[in-house]
Amino acid sequence: MHRTIVFLGPSLERSAADSILPDAEYRPPARRGDILAAVRDGATIICLIDGVFHQDSAVGHREILSAIKAGVQVIGASSMGALRAAELDTLGMEGIGEIYRMYRSGELVSDDEVALVFDPDSGLALSEPLVNIRCTLKNALCDGIIDAAAHDAILAAAQSLFYPQRTYSRIISVAEGSIEAGTRERFAIWISDHSCDQKRVDAKAALEYVKKIITGEGEPS
């Protein structure tokens, strides 16, 4: 019998998580020591999606390895989970999703890529993670909304901001001197319906993966 504990915050709304994995126990973004607490509470599967970064002590590598050594299946995706999985997948942690792949390949390096500010009461994101901005800009370039120069200018503007300040309106404002007005306006209109939320996509993929483990359907293709 599986007991699944999922650490989830702004990457995916609880209602969507429940629709995929209703029997899991959901806990807030993980802090240092929370993985070991989940092991003590009898978890057989731990799915680490969200975790704290700068506002508190982050989940440690040793506690994840201790959980794995105790026989717990530890899966990571989307945010802190993707970062830790890329660091520990050769030692037994499992990674799911595109963000995990990007960290694993070295395309992403810093935890700044997935960091954001969120409302602790509602769990809603108040800033945009850089990895989502990267994916959005890639799609905008492919759709012909921006050219390569505008792509690079907007990305540079986003990177220049401290992560709590990363909103699309602020990023476009910072990039104002590098991009013509028409391009800025076209991009601002386009993102209202086409911004990419890769963290949400990967969080759902991780829960679907856990569901397949629990139901015995095998690993997803």
N, C-alpha and C. Protein backbone atom coordinates (compact mmCIF):
# COMPACT_ATOMS: atom_id res chain seq x y z
N MET A 1 0.85 -1.20 0.00
CA MET A 1 0.00 0.00 0.00
C MET A 1 0.88 1.24 0.00
N HIS A 2 0.63 2.12 -0.97
CA HIS A 2 1.43 3.33 -1.07
C HIS A 2 0.88 4.44 -0.19
N ARG A 3 1.79 5.20 0.41
CA ARG A 3 1.41 6.47 1.02
C ARG A 3 2.23 7.54 0.31
N THR A 4 1.55 8.39 -0.41
CA THR A 4 2.21 9.40 -1.23
C THR A 4 2.10 10.78 -0.59
N ILE A 5 3.22 11.44 -0.44
CA ILE A 5 3.26 12.81 0.07
C ILE A 5 3.85 13.70 -1.01
N VAL A 6 3.11 14.75 -1.35
CA VAL A 6 3.51 15.67 -2.42
C VAL A 6 3.75 17.05 -1.82
N PHE A 7 4.89 17.63 -2.12
CA PHE A 7 5.18 19.00 -1.69
C PHE A 7 4.86 19.93 -2.86
N LEU A 8 3.80 20.71 -2.68
CA LEU A 8 3.24 21.47 -3.78
C LEU A 8 2.90 22.90 -3.34
N GLY A 9 3.18 23.84 -4.23
CA GLY A 9 2.86 25.24 -3.95
C GLY A 9 2.38 25.93 -5.20
N PRO A 10 3.06 26.99 -5.64
CA PRO A 10 2.56 27.79 -6.76
C PRO A 10 2.70 27.16 -8.13
N SER A 11 3.42 26.05 -8.25
CA SER A 11 3.59 25.45 -9.58
C SER A 11 2.28 24.90 -10.15
N LEU A 12 1.37 24.47 -9.27
CA LEU A 12 0.11 23.89 -9.74
C LEU A 12 -0.96 24.08 -8.68
N GLU A 13 -2.13 24.52 -9.11
CA GLU A 13 -3.22 24.73 -8.17
C GLU A 13 -3.69 23.39 -7.60
N ARG A 14 -4.14 23.41 -6.36
CA ARG A 14 -4.50 22.18 -5.66
C ARG A 14 -5.64 21.44 -6.36
N SER A 15 -6.60 22.17 -6.90
CA SER A 15 -7.73 21.51 -7.56
C SER A 15 -7.26 20.66 -8.74
N ALA A 16 -6.30 21.17 -9.51
CA ALA A 16 -5.76 20.42 -10.64
C ALA A 16 -4.98 19.20 -10.15
N ALA A 17 -4.23 19.38 -9.06
CA ALA A 17 -3.49 18.26 -8.49
C ALA A 17 -4.43 17.17 -8.01
N ASP A 18 -5.48 17.57 -7.32
CA ASP A 18 -6.46 16.60 -6.81
C ASP A 18 -7.14 15.82 -7.93
N SER A 19 -7.33 16.48 -9.07
CA SER A 19 -7.99 15.79 -10.19
C SER A 19 -7.12 14.68 -10.77
N ILE A 20 -5.81 14.80 -10.57
CA ILE A 20 -4.88 13.77 -11.06
C ILE A 20 -4.61 12.73 -9.98
N LEU A 21 -4.33 13.20 -8.77
CA LEU A 21 -3.90 12.31 -7.69
C LEU A 21 -4.67 12.67 -6.42
N PRO A 22 -5.93 12.27 -6.34
CA PRO A 22 -6.78 12.70 -5.23
C PRO A 22 -6.42 12.10 -3.87
N ASP A 23 -5.75 10.97 -3.87
CA ASP A 23 -5.48 10.28 -2.60
C ASP A 23 -4.13 10.64 -1.99
N ALA A 24 -3.40 11.52 -2.64
CA ALA A 24 -2.10 11.94 -2.09
C ALA A 24 -2.31 12.88 -0.91
N GLU A 25 -1.30 12.96 -0.07
CA GLU A 25 -1.29 13.96 1.00
C GLU A 25 -0.46 15.14 0.51
N TYR A 26 -1.08 16.30 0.44
CA TYR A 26 -0.39 17.48 -0.07
C TYR A 26 0.12 18.34 1.07
N ARG A 27 1.40 18.71 0.97
CA ARG A 27 2.01 19.57 1.96
C ARG A 27 2.58 20.81 1.28
N PRO A 28 2.80 21.90 2.03
CA PRO A 28 3.32 23.14 1.43
C PRO A 28 4.73 22.95 0.88
N PRO A 29 5.24 23.94 0.15
CA PRO A 29 6.61 23.86 -0.36
C PRO A 29 7.60 23.42 0.71
N ALA A 30 8.45 22.48 0.35
CA ALA A 30 9.32 21.83 1.33
C ALA A 30 10.42 22.75 1.83
N ARG A 31 10.68 22.65 3.12
CA ARG A 31 11.80 23.31 3.77
C ARG A 31 12.79 22.24 4.24
N ARG A 32 13.95 22.68 4.70
CA ARG A 32 14.93 21.75 5.23
C ARG A 32 14.30 20.91 6.35
N GLY A 33 14.42 19.62 6.25
CA GLY A 33 13.87 18.72 7.25
C GLY A 33 12.52 18.13 6.89
N ASP A 34 11.82 18.72 5.92
CA ASP A 34 10.47 18.23 5.60
C ASP A 34 10.48 16.86 4.92
N ILE A 35 11.52 16.56 4.17
CA ILE A 35 11.60 15.25 3.52
C ILE A 35 11.77 14.16 4.58
N LEU A 36 12.63 14.41 5.55
CA LEU A 36 12.83 13.43 6.63
C LEU A 36 11.56 13.27 7.45
N ALA A 37 10.83 14.36 7.64
CA ALA A 37 9.56 14.27 8.37
C ALA A 37 8.56 13.40 7.61
N ALA A 38 8.55 13.53 6.29
CA ALA A 38 7.65 12.71 5.48
C ALA A 38 8.02 11.23 5.58
N VAL A 39 9.30 10.95 5.63
CA VAL A 39 9.75 9.56 5.80
C VAL A 39 9.28 9.03 7.15
N ARG A 40 9.45 9.82 8.20
CA ARG A 40 9.01 9.40 9.53
C ARG A 40 7.50 9.18 9.58
N ASP A 41 6.78 9.92 8.75
CA ASP A 41 5.32 9.80 8.72
C ASP A 41 4.84 8.63 7.87
N GLY A 42 5.76 7.88 7.32
CA GLY A 42 5.39 6.66 6.60
C GLY A 42 5.24 6.78 5.10
N ALA A 43 5.77 7.83 4.49
CA ALA A 43 5.67 7.96 3.04
C ALA A 43 6.41 6.84 2.34
N THR A 44 5.80 6.29 1.31
CA THR A 44 6.49 5.33 0.44
C THR A 44 6.89 5.99 -0.87
N ILE A 45 6.16 7.06 -1.23
CA ILE A 45 6.50 7.87 -2.40
C ILE A 45 6.50 9.33 -1.97
N ILE A 46 7.56 10.04 -2.27
CA ILE A 46 7.62 11.48 -2.04
C ILE A 46 7.78 12.17 -3.39
N CYS A 47 6.88 13.07 -3.70
CA CYS A 47 6.96 13.85 -4.94
C CYS A 47 7.28 15.29 -4.56
N LEU A 48 8.49 15.68 -4.84
CA LEU A 48 8.95 17.04 -4.53
C LEU A 48 8.76 17.92 -5.76
N ILE A 49 7.82 18.83 -5.68
CA ILE A 49 7.60 19.79 -6.76
C ILE A 49 8.10 21.16 -6.32
N ASP A 50 7.48 21.73 -5.30
CA ASP A 50 7.87 23.06 -4.85
C ASP A 50 8.64 22.99 -3.53
N GLY A 51 9.57 23.89 -3.38
CA GLY A 51 10.32 24.03 -2.14
C GLY A 51 10.76 25.47 -1.97
N VAL A 52 11.06 25.85 -0.76
CA VAL A 52 11.51 27.23 -0.51
C VAL A 52 12.94 27.38 -1.02
N PHE A 53 13.29 28.63 -1.35
CA PHE A 53 14.64 28.92 -1.83
C PHE A 53 15.35 29.86 -0.86
N HIS A 54 15.06 31.13 -0.98
CA HIS A 54 15.84 32.12 -0.24
C HIS A 54 15.19 32.53 1.07
N GLN A 55 13.90 32.30 1.22
CA GLN A 55 13.21 32.77 2.42
C GLN A 55 13.38 31.85 3.60
N ASP A 56 13.94 30.65 3.39
CA ASP A 56 14.14 29.68 4.47
C ASP A 56 15.19 28.69 3.99
N SER A 57 15.60 27.77 4.86
CA SER A 57 16.59 26.76 4.46
C SER A 57 15.98 25.78 3.47
N ALA A 58 16.63 25.60 2.34
CA ALA A 58 16.11 24.73 1.29
C ALA A 58 16.29 23.26 1.64
N VAL A 59 15.53 22.42 0.95
CA VAL A 59 15.65 20.97 1.11
C VAL A 59 17.09 20.55 0.85
N GLY A 60 17.64 19.76 1.76
CA GLY A 60 19.03 19.33 1.64
C GLY A 60 19.19 18.05 0.84
N HIS A 61 20.36 17.92 0.23
CA HIS A 61 20.65 16.71 -0.54
C HIS A 61 20.68 15.47 0.37
N ARG A 62 21.24 15.63 1.55
CA ARG A 62 21.40 14.48 2.44
C ARG A 62 20.06 13.90 2.88
N GLU A 63 19.07 14.78 3.09
CA GLU A 63 17.78 14.24 3.53
C GLU A 63 17.09 13.47 2.41
N ILE A 64 17.27 13.91 1.18
CA ILE A 64 16.72 13.17 0.05
C ILE A 64 17.41 11.81 -0.07
N LEU A 65 18.72 11.81 0.06
CA LEU A 65 19.46 10.55 -0.02
C LEU A 65 19.10 9.62 1.13
N SER A 66 18.83 10.19 2.30
CA SER A 66 18.40 9.37 3.44
C SER A 66 17.05 8.73 3.16
N ALA A 67 16.16 9.49 2.52
CA ALA A 67 14.85 8.94 2.17
C ALA A 67 14.99 7.80 1.17
N ILE A 68 15.84 7.99 0.18
CA ILE A 68 16.06 6.94 -0.82
C ILE A 68 16.66 5.70 -0.16
N LYS A 69 17.62 5.91 0.74
CA LYS A 69 18.25 4.79 1.44
C LYS A 69 17.23 4.03 2.29
N ALA A 70 16.21 4.75 2.78
CA ALA A 70 15.17 4.11 3.59
C ALA A 70 14.14 3.38 2.74
N GLY A 71 14.31 3.42 1.42
CA GLY A 71 13.42 2.69 0.53
C GLY A 71 12.27 3.51 -0.03
N VAL A 72 12.30 4.81 0.19
CA VAL A 72 11.24 5.69 -0.32
C VAL A 72 11.57 6.07 -1.76
N GLN A 73 10.58 6.05 -2.63
CA GLN A 73 10.75 6.49 -4.01
C GLN A 73 10.58 8.00 -4.04
N VAL A 74 11.63 8.72 -4.42
CA VAL A 74 11.62 10.18 -4.40
C VAL A 74 11.66 10.69 -5.84
N ILE A 75 10.65 11.48 -6.18
CA ILE A 75 10.46 11.98 -7.55
C ILE A 75 10.48 13.51 -7.50
N GLY A 76 11.16 14.14 -8.45
CA GLY A 76 11.23 15.59 -8.48
C GLY A 76 10.86 16.16 -9.84
N ALA A 77 10.26 17.33 -9.82
CA ALA A 77 9.87 17.97 -11.07
C ALA A 77 9.59 19.45 -10.84
N SER A 78 9.58 20.20 -11.92
CA SER A 78 9.00 21.53 -12.01
C SER A 78 9.82 22.66 -11.39
N SER A 79 10.14 22.56 -10.13
CA SER A 79 10.79 23.67 -9.44
C SER A 79 11.97 23.14 -8.63
N MET A 80 11.91 23.26 -7.31
CA MET A 80 12.97 22.68 -6.48
C MET A 80 13.15 21.20 -6.78
N GLY A 81 12.05 20.51 -7.07
CA GLY A 81 12.12 19.09 -7.37
C GLY A 81 12.96 18.80 -8.60
N ALA A 82 12.82 19.62 -9.64
CA ALA A 82 13.60 19.43 -10.86
C ALA A 82 15.08 19.68 -10.60
N LEU A 83 15.35 20.73 -9.84
CA LEU A 83 16.74 21.08 -9.52
C LEU A 83 17.41 19.95 -8.74
N ARG A 84 16.77 19.48 -7.68
CA ARG A 84 17.36 18.42 -6.86
C ARG A 84 17.47 17.11 -7.64
N ALA A 85 16.48 16.81 -8.48
CA ALA A 85 16.53 15.56 -9.26
C ALA A 85 17.71 15.57 -10.22
N ALA A 86 17.98 16.72 -10.83
CA ALA A 86 19.11 16.81 -11.75
C ALA A 86 20.44 16.62 -11.03
N GLU A 87 20.47 17.00 -9.77
CA GLU A 87 21.69 16.85 -8.97
C GLU A 87 21.85 15.44 -8.41
N LEU A 88 20.74 14.73 -8.23
CA LEU A 88 20.77 13.46 -7.51
C LEU A 88 20.25 12.27 -8.30
N ASP A 89 20.01 12.43 -9.59
CA ASP A 89 19.41 11.32 -10.34
C ASP A 89 20.36 10.13 -10.47
N THR A 90 21.66 10.35 -10.39
CA THR A 90 22.59 9.22 -10.44
C THR A 90 22.64 8.47 -9.11
N LEU A 91 21.98 9.04 -8.08
CA LEU A 91 21.99 8.44 -6.75
C LEU A 91 20.60 7.93 -6.34
N GLY A 92 19.68 7.88 -7.30
CA GLY A 92 18.40 7.25 -7.03
C GLY A 92 17.17 8.12 -7.08
N MET A 93 17.33 9.45 -7.13
CA MET A 93 16.15 10.31 -7.26
C MET A 93 15.71 10.31 -8.72
N GLU A 94 14.42 10.38 -8.96
CA GLU A 94 13.88 10.36 -10.31
C GLU A 94 13.41 11.75 -10.72
N GLY A 95 13.77 12.16 -11.92
CA GLY A 95 13.34 13.46 -12.43
C GLY A 95 12.33 13.31 -13.55
N ILE A 96 11.38 14.22 -13.58
CA ILE A 96 10.32 14.21 -14.60
C ILE A 96 10.22 15.60 -15.21
N GLY A 97 10.02 15.67 -16.52
CA GLY A 97 9.66 16.92 -17.16
C GLY A 97 10.79 17.67 -17.85
N GLU A 98 10.40 18.69 -18.57
CA GLU A 98 11.32 19.48 -19.39
C GLU A 98 12.30 20.29 -18.54
N ILE A 99 11.85 20.84 -17.43
CA ILE A 99 12.74 21.65 -16.60
C ILE A 99 13.82 20.78 -15.98
N TYR A 100 13.45 19.60 -15.53
CA TYR A 100 14.44 18.63 -15.07
C TYR A 100 15.45 18.36 -16.17
N ARG A 101 14.98 18.12 -17.39
CA ARG A 101 15.87 17.83 -18.51
C ARG A 101 16.82 18.99 -18.76
N MET A 102 16.31 20.22 -18.66
CA MET A 102 17.13 21.40 -18.91
C MET A 102 18.22 21.55 -17.85
N TYR A 103 17.89 21.27 -16.60
CA TYR A 103 18.92 21.28 -15.55
C TYR A 103 19.92 20.14 -15.78
N ARG A 104 19.42 18.98 -16.12
CA ARG A 104 20.28 17.80 -16.29
C ARG A 104 21.28 18.02 -17.42
N SER A 105 20.86 18.70 -18.48
CA SER A 105 21.72 18.93 -19.64
C SER A 105 22.69 20.08 -19.45
N GLY A 106 22.46 20.90 -18.40
CA GLY A 106 23.29 22.06 -18.19
C GLY A 106 22.76 23.32 -18.85
N GLU A 107 21.62 23.19 -19.54
CA GLU A 107 21.00 24.36 -20.17
C GLU A 107 20.57 25.37 -19.10
N LEU A 108 20.12 24.87 -17.96
CA LEU A 108 19.84 25.68 -16.79
C LEU A 108 20.85 25.31 -15.71
N VAL A 109 21.26 26.32 -14.92
CA VAL A 109 22.26 26.08 -13.89
C VAL A 109 21.78 26.59 -12.53
N SER A 110 21.30 27.81 -12.49
CA SER A 110 20.99 28.46 -11.23
C SER A 110 19.58 28.15 -10.74
N ASP A 111 19.41 28.12 -9.40
CA ASP A 111 18.06 27.97 -8.85
C ASP A 111 17.21 29.21 -9.13
N ASP A 112 17.86 30.31 -9.51
CA ASP A 112 17.16 31.53 -9.90
C ASP A 112 16.21 31.30 -11.07
N GLU A 113 16.45 30.28 -11.87
CA GLU A 113 15.60 29.99 -13.03
C GLU A 113 14.18 29.63 -12.63
N VAL A 114 14.00 28.98 -11.50
CA VAL A 114 12.66 28.53 -11.10
C VAL A 114 12.11 29.30 -9.90
N ALA A 115 12.92 30.20 -9.35
CA ALA A 115 12.49 30.94 -8.16
C ALA A 115 11.41 31.97 -8.51
N LEU A 116 10.49 32.16 -7.57
CA LEU A 116 9.46 33.19 -7.71
C LEU A 116 8.97 33.57 -6.32
N VAL A 117 8.14 34.60 -6.28
CA VAL A 117 7.49 35.02 -5.04
C VAL A 117 6.03 34.59 -5.13
N PHE A 118 5.51 34.06 -4.03
CA PHE A 118 4.10 33.67 -4.04
C PHE A 118 3.42 34.09 -2.75
N ASP A 119 2.11 34.25 -2.84
CA ASP A 119 1.30 34.61 -1.68
C ASP A 119 1.19 33.37 -0.77
N PRO A 120 1.66 33.46 0.47
CA PRO A 120 1.64 32.27 1.34
C PRO A 120 0.23 31.80 1.69
N ASP A 121 -0.75 32.68 1.61
CA ASP A 121 -2.12 32.29 1.94
C ASP A 121 -2.83 31.62 0.77
N SER A 122 -2.75 32.24 -0.40
CA SER A 122 -3.44 31.69 -1.57
C SER A 122 -2.58 30.74 -2.38
N GLY A 123 -1.25 30.84 -2.23
CA GLY A 123 -0.34 30.03 -3.03
C GLY A 123 -0.15 30.55 -4.45
N LEU A 124 -0.75 31.70 -4.77
CA LEU A 124 -0.65 32.25 -6.12
C LEU A 124 0.70 32.90 -6.36
N ALA A 125 1.26 32.67 -7.53
CA ALA A 125 2.54 33.28 -7.90
C ALA A 125 2.38 34.78 -8.09
N LEU A 126 3.34 35.54 -7.58
CA LEU A 126 3.32 36.99 -7.70
C LEU A 126 4.42 37.50 -8.64
N SER A 127 5.26 36.59 -9.10
CA SER A 127 6.27 36.93 -10.09
C SER A 127 6.40 35.77 -11.06
N GLU A 128 7.13 35.99 -12.12
CA GLU A 128 7.24 34.98 -13.19
C GLU A 128 8.61 34.32 -13.13
N PRO A 129 8.68 32.99 -13.03
CA PRO A 129 9.99 32.34 -13.02
C PRO A 129 10.69 32.46 -14.37
N LEU A 130 11.99 32.59 -14.31
CA LEU A 130 12.76 32.82 -15.53
C LEU A 130 12.61 31.69 -16.53
N VAL A 131 12.50 30.46 -16.05
CA VAL A 131 12.37 29.34 -16.98
C VAL A 131 11.09 29.45 -17.80
N ASN A 132 10.01 29.93 -17.19
CA ASN A 132 8.77 30.15 -17.95
C ASN A 132 8.93 31.26 -18.97
N ILE A 133 9.68 32.28 -18.59
CA ILE A 133 9.95 33.39 -19.51
C ILE A 133 10.74 32.89 -20.72
N ARG A 134 11.73 32.05 -20.46
CA ARG A 134 12.52 31.47 -21.56
C ARG A 134 11.62 30.71 -22.54
N CYS A 135 10.73 29.88 -22.01
CA CYS A 135 9.85 29.09 -22.86
C CYS A 135 8.88 29.98 -23.63
N THR A 136 8.39 31.01 -22.97
CA THR A 136 7.47 31.94 -23.63
C THR A 136 8.17 32.67 -24.77
N LEU A 137 9.38 33.14 -24.53
CA LEU A 137 10.14 33.85 -25.57
C LEU A 137 10.46 32.94 -26.75
N LYS A 138 10.77 31.69 -26.47
CA LYS A 138 11.03 30.73 -27.54
C LYS A 138 9.80 30.56 -28.42
N ASN A 139 8.63 30.45 -27.79
CA ASN A 139 7.39 30.30 -28.55
C ASN A 139 7.06 31.57 -29.33
N ALA A 140 7.29 32.73 -28.72
CA ALA A 140 7.03 34.00 -29.40
C ALA A 140 7.92 34.16 -30.63
N LEU A 141 9.16 33.70 -30.51
CA LEU A 141 10.07 33.75 -31.65
C LEU A 141 9.60 32.82 -32.76
N CYS A 142 9.20 31.61 -32.38
CA CYS A 142 8.70 30.64 -33.36
C CYS A 142 7.44 31.13 -34.06
N ASP A 143 6.59 31.87 -33.32
CA ASP A 143 5.33 32.38 -33.87
C ASP A 143 5.51 33.68 -34.67
N GLY A 144 6.72 34.20 -34.71
CA GLY A 144 6.98 35.42 -35.45
C GLY A 144 6.52 36.69 -34.74
N ILE A 145 6.26 36.60 -33.46
CA ILE A 145 5.83 37.77 -32.69
C ILE A 145 7.01 38.69 -32.41
N ILE A 146 8.16 38.10 -32.19
CA ILE A 146 9.39 38.85 -31.97
C ILE A 146 10.48 38.26 -32.86
N ASP A 147 11.53 39.04 -33.12
CA ASP A 147 12.68 38.51 -33.84
C ASP A 147 13.77 38.13 -32.85
N ALA A 148 14.87 37.63 -33.36
CA ALA A 148 15.94 37.14 -32.48
C ALA A 148 16.51 38.25 -31.61
N ALA A 149 16.63 39.45 -32.16
CA ALA A 149 17.17 40.56 -31.38
C ALA A 149 16.25 40.93 -30.23
N ALA A 150 14.95 40.95 -30.49
CA ALA A 150 13.98 41.26 -29.44
C ALA A 150 13.96 40.16 -28.39
N HIS A 151 14.04 38.90 -28.84
CA HIS A 151 14.12 37.77 -27.92
C HIS A 151 15.27 37.96 -26.94
N ASP A 152 16.44 38.27 -27.48
CA ASP A 152 17.63 38.41 -26.63
C ASP A 152 17.51 39.62 -25.70
N ALA A 153 16.91 40.69 -26.18
CA ALA A 153 16.77 41.91 -25.37
C ALA A 153 15.80 41.68 -24.22
N ILE A 154 14.68 41.00 -24.49
CA ILE A 154 13.70 40.74 -23.43
C ILE A 154 14.27 39.77 -22.41
N LEU A 155 14.97 38.75 -22.88
CA LEU A 155 15.58 37.80 -21.95
C LEU A 155 16.62 38.49 -21.08
N ALA A 156 17.43 39.34 -21.67
CA ALA A 156 18.43 40.08 -20.90
C ALA A 156 17.77 40.98 -19.86
N ALA A 157 16.66 41.59 -20.23
CA ALA A 157 15.92 42.45 -19.29
C ALA A 157 15.42 41.61 -18.12
N ALA A 158 14.89 40.42 -18.41
CA ALA A 158 14.39 39.55 -17.35
C ALA A 158 15.53 39.11 -16.42
N GLN A 159 16.66 38.75 -17.01
CA GLN A 159 17.80 38.30 -16.21
C GLN A 159 18.38 39.41 -15.34
N SER A 160 18.19 40.64 -15.77
CA SER A 160 18.75 41.77 -15.02
C SER A 160 17.96 42.08 -13.76
N LEU A 161 16.74 41.55 -13.67
CA LEU A 161 15.87 41.83 -12.54
C LEU A 161 16.02 40.77 -11.46
N PHE A 162 15.94 41.18 -10.21
CA PHE A 162 15.89 40.24 -9.10
C PHE A 162 14.57 39.47 -9.22
N TYR A 163 14.59 38.17 -8.91
CA TYR A 163 13.45 37.32 -9.25
C TYR A 163 12.09 37.80 -8.72
N PRO A 164 12.00 38.47 -7.55
CA PRO A 164 10.67 38.94 -7.13
C PRO A 164 10.09 40.04 -8.03
N GLN A 165 10.95 40.67 -8.83
CA GLN A 165 10.50 41.77 -9.69
C GLN A 165 10.13 41.32 -11.10
N ARG A 166 10.25 40.04 -11.37
CA ARG A 166 10.02 39.56 -12.73
C ARG A 166 8.55 39.36 -13.03
N THR A 167 7.96 40.39 -13.59
CA THR A 167 6.63 40.32 -14.18
C THR A 167 6.78 40.77 -15.62
N TYR A 168 5.87 40.35 -16.49
CA TYR A 168 6.03 40.72 -17.89
C TYR A 168 5.96 42.22 -18.10
N SER A 169 5.10 42.91 -17.37
CA SER A 169 5.01 44.35 -17.54
C SER A 169 6.32 45.03 -17.15
N ARG A 170 6.93 44.56 -16.07
CA ARG A 170 8.20 45.15 -15.63
C ARG A 170 9.31 44.81 -16.61
N ILE A 171 9.33 43.59 -17.11
CA ILE A 171 10.37 43.17 -18.05
C ILE A 171 10.29 43.99 -19.34
N ILE A 172 9.08 44.16 -19.86
CA ILE A 172 8.90 44.94 -21.09
C ILE A 172 9.33 46.38 -20.88
N SER A 173 9.04 46.92 -19.70
CA SER A 173 9.45 48.28 -19.39
C SER A 173 10.97 48.42 -19.37
N VAL A 174 11.65 47.44 -18.78
CA VAL A 174 13.11 47.48 -18.71
C VAL A 174 13.72 47.37 -20.11
N ALA A 175 13.07 46.61 -20.97
CA ALA A 175 13.59 46.39 -22.33
C ALA A 175 13.22 47.51 -23.30
N GLU A 176 12.54 48.52 -22.80
CA GLU A 176 11.99 49.57 -23.66
C GLU A 176 13.02 50.19 -24.59
N GLY A 177 14.22 50.46 -24.09
CA GLY A 177 15.23 51.13 -24.90
C GLY A 177 15.83 50.26 -25.98
N SER A 178 15.57 48.96 -25.93
CA SER A 178 16.19 48.02 -26.87
C SER A 178 15.23 47.49 -27.92
N ILE A 179 13.94 47.75 -27.74
CA ILE A 179 12.93 47.18 -28.65
C ILE A 179 11.99 48.28 -29.10
N GLU A 180 11.64 48.26 -30.36
CA GLU A 180 10.73 49.28 -30.88
C GLU A 180 9.34 49.11 -30.28
N ALA A 181 8.60 50.19 -30.25
CA ALA A 181 7.31 50.24 -29.57
C ALA A 181 6.33 49.20 -30.14
N GLY A 182 6.30 49.04 -31.46
CA GLY A 182 5.37 48.10 -32.07
C GLY A 182 5.61 46.68 -31.63
N THR A 183 6.87 46.31 -31.51
CA THR A 183 7.21 44.96 -31.07
C THR A 183 6.82 44.76 -29.61
N ARG A 184 7.08 45.76 -28.79
CA ARG A 184 6.70 45.67 -27.37
C ARG A 184 5.20 45.49 -27.22
N GLU A 185 4.44 46.26 -27.96
CA GLU A 185 2.98 46.18 -27.87
C GLU A 185 2.47 44.84 -28.38
N ARG A 186 3.03 44.37 -29.47
CA ARG A 186 2.60 43.09 -30.05
C ARG A 186 2.91 41.95 -29.07
N PHE A 187 4.07 41.97 -28.47
CA PHE A 187 4.45 40.93 -27.51
C PHE A 187 3.56 40.98 -26.27
N ALA A 188 3.28 42.20 -25.78
CA ALA A 188 2.45 42.34 -24.58
C ALA A 188 1.04 41.80 -24.81
N ILE A 189 0.50 42.02 -25.99
CA ILE A 189 -0.83 41.50 -26.32
C ILE A 189 -0.78 39.97 -26.45
N TRP A 190 0.25 39.47 -27.10
CA TRP A 190 0.38 38.03 -27.36
C TRP A 190 0.50 37.24 -26.06
N ILE A 191 1.28 37.72 -25.10
CA ILE A 191 1.50 36.93 -23.88
C ILE A 191 0.25 36.82 -23.01
N SER A 192 -0.72 37.70 -23.22
CA SER A 192 -1.93 37.61 -22.41
C SER A 192 -2.65 36.28 -22.61
N ASP A 193 -2.48 35.67 -23.79
CA ASP A 193 -3.12 34.39 -24.07
C ASP A 193 -2.13 33.26 -24.35
N HIS A 194 -0.84 33.59 -24.50
CA HIS A 194 0.10 32.58 -24.97
C HIS A 194 1.32 32.40 -24.08
N SER A 195 1.35 32.99 -22.92
CA SER A 195 2.51 32.81 -22.05
C SER A 195 2.61 31.33 -21.65
N CYS A 196 3.81 30.84 -21.55
CA CYS A 196 4.06 29.43 -21.27
C CYS A 196 4.27 29.23 -19.77
N ASP A 197 3.62 28.22 -19.22
CA ASP A 197 3.82 27.86 -17.81
C ASP A 197 4.39 26.45 -17.77
N GLN A 198 5.68 26.35 -18.04
CA GLN A 198 6.32 25.04 -18.09
C GLN A 198 6.35 24.38 -16.72
N LYS A 199 6.42 25.18 -15.66
CA LYS A 199 6.42 24.60 -14.32
C LYS A 199 5.10 23.87 -14.06
N ARG A 200 4.00 24.42 -14.51
CA ARG A 200 2.70 23.78 -14.33
C ARG A 200 2.62 22.49 -15.14
N VAL A 201 3.09 22.55 -16.38
CA VAL A 201 3.09 21.37 -17.24
C VAL A 201 3.89 20.24 -16.60
N ASP A 202 5.06 20.56 -16.07
CA ASP A 202 5.91 19.53 -15.48
C ASP A 202 5.35 19.00 -14.17
N ALA A 203 4.72 19.87 -13.39
CA ALA A 203 4.10 19.41 -12.14
C ALA A 203 3.01 18.40 -12.43
N LYS A 204 2.19 18.67 -13.43
CA LYS A 204 1.14 17.72 -13.81
C LYS A 204 1.74 16.40 -14.30
N ALA A 205 2.82 16.50 -15.06
CA ALA A 205 3.47 15.28 -15.58
C ALA A 205 3.99 14.42 -14.43
N ALA A 206 4.52 15.06 -13.40
CA ALA A 206 5.04 14.31 -12.25
C ALA A 206 3.91 13.59 -11.52
N LEU A 207 2.79 14.26 -11.35
CA LEU A 207 1.65 13.62 -10.68
C LEU A 207 1.08 12.48 -11.51
N GLU A 208 1.07 12.65 -12.82
CA GLU A 208 0.63 11.57 -13.69
C GLU A 208 1.58 10.37 -13.59
N TYR A 209 2.85 10.64 -13.45
CA TYR A 209 3.84 9.58 -13.29
C TYR A 209 3.59 8.81 -12.00
N VAL A 210 3.36 9.55 -10.91
CA VAL A 210 3.08 8.90 -9.63
C VAL A 210 1.80 8.07 -9.72
N LYS A 211 0.80 8.61 -10.39
CA LYS A 211 -0.46 7.88 -10.55
C LYS A 211 -0.23 6.54 -11.24
N LYS A 212 0.62 6.52 -12.25
CA LYS A 212 0.91 5.28 -12.96
C LYS A 212 1.62 4.27 -12.06
N ILE A 213 2.49 4.78 -11.19
CA ILE A 213 3.17 3.89 -10.24
C ILE A 213 2.15 3.25 -9.30
N ILE A 214 1.26 4.09 -8.78
CA ILE A 214 0.29 3.61 -7.78
C ILE A 214 -0.70 2.63 -8.39
N THR A 215 -1.13 2.90 -9.62
CA THR A 215 -2.12 2.04 -10.26
C THR A 215 -1.50 0.84 -10.95
N GLY A 216 -0.16 0.81 -10.98
CA GLY A 216 0.53 -0.32 -11.59
C GLY A 216 0.46 -0.33 -13.10
N GLU A 217 0.26 0.83 -13.69
CA GLU A 217 0.17 0.92 -15.15
C GLU A 217 1.52 1.00 -15.82
N GLY A 218 2.58 1.05 -15.03
CA GLY A 218 3.92 1.14 -15.60
C GLY A 218 4.33 2.57 -15.82
N GLU A 219 5.57 2.76 -16.23
CA GLU A 219 6.10 4.09 -16.46
C GLU A 219 5.50 4.68 -17.72
N PRO A 220 5.28 6.02 -17.69
CA PRO A 220 4.75 6.66 -18.89
C PRO A 220 5.77 6.66 -20.01
N SER A 221 5.29 6.70 -21.23
CA SER A 221 6.20 6.73 -22.37
C SER A 221 6.83 8.09 -22.49
